[in-house]
Amino acid sequence: MKLSDIRIDNSRYMECVDELATQITEMNFGADTYAESSEVGQENVMMFTEEAQDYYNEKYDEYDSLINESIINNLNTGIDLPF
């Protein structure tokens, strides 16, 4: 099997990047990560604070780029895997 034979489902990939960005955001903001929504009818919905959302967006883009550049682009190397 070659690295180029490995396929990653896009939704699973996005879930992974989301989880990484969410975890680092929660670690960085702690108790100030979430707040109740200020939208009418959505007051009981918890969402990122504005600052946490901005940070999350930056981290999501950073991790997305890092994974794409470091891993996915290297799947095309044609290297044989040991299994």
C-alpha atoms as a PDB file:
ATOM      1  CA  MET A   1       0.000   0.000   0.000  1.00  0.00           C
ATOM      2  CA  LYS A   2       1.219   3.465  -0.847  1.00  0.00           C
ATOM      3  CA  LEU A   3       0.526   6.682   0.996  1.00  0.00           C
ATOM      4  CA  SER A   4      -1.253   7.898  -2.114  1.00  0.00           C
ATOM      5  CA  ASP A   5      -3.775   5.044  -1.697  1.00  0.00           C
ATOM      6  CA  ILE A   6      -5.067   6.517   1.576  1.00  0.00           C
ATOM      7  CA  ARG A   7      -8.292   8.508   1.326  1.00  0.00           C
ATOM      8  CA  ILE A   8      -9.654  10.811   4.019  1.00  0.00           C
ATOM      9  CA  ASP A   9     -13.366  11.627   4.076  1.00  0.00           C
ATOM     10  CA  ASN A  10     -13.749  15.424   3.984  1.00  0.00           C
ATOM     11  CA  SER A  11     -16.316  15.544   6.804  1.00  0.00           C
ATOM     12  CA  ARG A  12     -14.058  13.454   9.076  1.00  0.00           C
ATOM     13  CA  TYR A  13     -11.140  15.709   8.207  1.00  0.00           C
ATOM     14  CA  MET A  14     -13.163  18.830   9.073  1.00  0.00           C
ATOM     15  CA  GLU A  15     -14.285  17.241  12.367  1.00  0.00           C
ATOM     16  CA  CYS A  16     -10.653  16.615  13.260  1.00  0.00           C
ATOM     17  CA  VAL A  17      -9.577  20.184  12.490  1.00  0.00           C
ATOM     18  CA  ASP A  18     -12.623  21.512  14.378  1.00  0.00           C
ATOM     19  CA  GLU A  19     -11.828  19.407  17.433  1.00  0.00           C
ATOM     20  CA  LEU A  20      -8.216  20.595  17.512  1.00  0.00           C
ATOM     21  CA  ALA A  21      -9.235  24.247  17.137  1.00  0.00           C
ATOM     22  CA  THR A  22     -11.972  23.909  19.752  1.00  0.00           C
ATOM     23  CA  GLN A  23      -9.681  22.273  22.299  1.00  0.00           C
ATOM     24  CA  ILE A  24      -6.960  24.897  21.936  1.00  0.00           C
ATOM     25  CA  THR A  25      -9.571  27.669  22.140  1.00  0.00           C
ATOM     26  CA  GLU A  26     -11.030  26.198  25.345  1.00  0.00           C
ATOM     27  CA  MET A  27      -7.547  25.822  26.843  1.00  0.00           C
ATOM     28  CA  ASN A  28      -6.710  29.425  25.981  1.00  0.00           C
ATOM     29  CA  PHE A  29      -9.956  31.094  27.110  1.00  0.00           C
ATOM     30  CA  GLY A  30     -11.036  28.788  29.948  1.00  0.00           C
ATOM     31  CA  ALA A  31     -14.288  29.925  31.551  1.00  0.00           C
ATOM     32  CA  ASP A  32     -14.495  32.837  29.101  1.00  0.00           C
ATOM     33  CA  THR A  33     -14.787  30.563  26.053  1.00  0.00           C
ATOM     34  CA  TYR A  34     -18.588  30.375  25.903  1.00  0.00           C
ATOM     35  CA  ALA A  35     -21.508  32.715  26.520  1.00  0.00           C
ATOM     36  CA  GLU A  36     -25.242  32.534  25.966  1.00  0.00           C
ATOM     37  CA  SER A  37     -26.352  33.681  22.540  1.00  0.00           C
ATOM     38  CA  SER A  38     -27.724  37.217  22.303  1.00  0.00           C
ATOM     39  CA  GLU A  39     -29.923  36.330  19.319  1.00  0.00           C
ATOM     40  CA  VAL A  40     -33.669  36.534  19.923  1.00  0.00           C
ATOM     41  CA  GLY A  41     -35.069  33.052  20.510  1.00  0.00           C
ATOM     42  CA  GLN A  42     -31.590  31.577  20.952  1.00  0.00           C
ATOM     43  CA  GLU A  43     -30.845  32.908  24.447  1.00  0.00           C
ATOM     44  CA  ASN A  44     -30.305  29.420  25.906  1.00  0.00           C
ATOM     45  CA  VAL A  45     -27.784  28.429  23.234  1.00  0.00           C
ATOM     46  CA  MET A  46     -24.140  28.499  24.305  1.00  0.00           C
ATOM     47  CA  MET A  47     -21.667  29.730  21.727  1.00  0.00           C
ATOM     48  CA  PHE A  48     -18.129  31.066  21.576  1.00  0.00           C
ATOM     49  CA  THR A  49     -17.646  34.599  22.828  1.00  0.00           C
ATOM     50  CA  GLU A  50     -16.671  37.012  20.068  1.00  0.00           C
ATOM     51  CA  GLU A  51     -13.001  36.911  21.099  1.00  0.00           C
ATOM     52  CA  ALA A  52     -13.012  33.118  21.368  1.00  0.00           C
ATOM     53  CA  GLN A  53     -14.711  32.824  17.953  1.00  0.00           C
ATOM     54  CA  ASP A  54     -12.022  34.991  16.351  1.00  0.00           C
ATOM     55  CA  TYR A  55      -9.307  32.894  17.991  1.00  0.00           C
ATOM     56  CA  TYR A  56     -11.027  29.645  16.946  1.00  0.00           C
ATOM     57  CA  ASN A  57     -11.257  30.861  13.326  1.00  0.00           C
ATOM     58  CA  GLU A  58      -7.530  31.662  13.302  1.00  0.00           C
ATOM     59  CA  LYS A  59      -6.628  28.287  14.814  1.00  0.00           C
ATOM     60  CA  TYR A  60      -8.941  26.390  12.471  1.00  0.00           C
ATOM     61  CA  ASP A  61      -7.265  28.008   9.458  1.00  0.00           C
ATOM     62  CA  GLU A  62      -3.816  27.417  10.956  1.00  0.00           C
ATOM     63  CA  TYR A  63      -4.454  23.713  11.634  1.00  0.00           C
ATOM     64  CA  ASP A  64      -6.166  23.218   8.290  1.00  0.00           C
ATOM     65  CA  SER A  65      -3.126  24.642   6.489  1.00  0.00           C
ATOM     66  CA  LEU A  66      -0.670  22.737   8.663  1.00  0.00           C
ATOM     67  CA  ILE A  67      -2.377  19.393   8.100  1.00  0.00           C
ATOM     68  CA  ASN A  68      -2.759  20.024   4.386  1.00  0.00           C
ATOM     69  CA  GLU A  69       0.855  21.057   3.935  1.00  0.00           C
ATOM     70  CA  SER A  70       2.420  18.534   6.297  1.00  0.00           C
ATOM     71  CA  ILE A  71       0.361  15.418   5.753  1.00  0.00           C
ATOM     72  CA  ILE A  72      -2.079  15.465   2.878  1.00  0.00           C
ATOM     73  CA  ASN A  73       0.324  16.942   0.329  1.00  0.00           C
ATOM     74  CA  ASN A  74       2.845  14.272   1.315  1.00  0.00           C
ATOM     75  CA  LEU A  75       0.347  11.501   0.543  1.00  0.00           C
ATOM     76  CA  ASN A  76       1.304  11.921  -3.078  1.00  0.00           C
ATOM     77  CA  THR A  77       4.910  10.872  -2.483  1.00  0.00           C
ATOM     78  CA  GLY A  78       4.378   7.278  -3.591  1.00  0.00           C
ATOM     79  CA  ILE A  79       6.177   5.933  -0.499  1.00  0.00           C
ATOM     80  CA  ASP A  80       5.329   2.285   0.251  1.00  0.00           C
ATOM     81  CA  LEU A  81       3.832   1.655   3.668  1.00  0.00           C
ATOM     82  CA  PRO A  82       5.005  -1.351   5.709  1.00  0.00           C
ATOM     83  CA  PHE A  83       1.544  -2.956   5.775  1.00  0.00           C
END
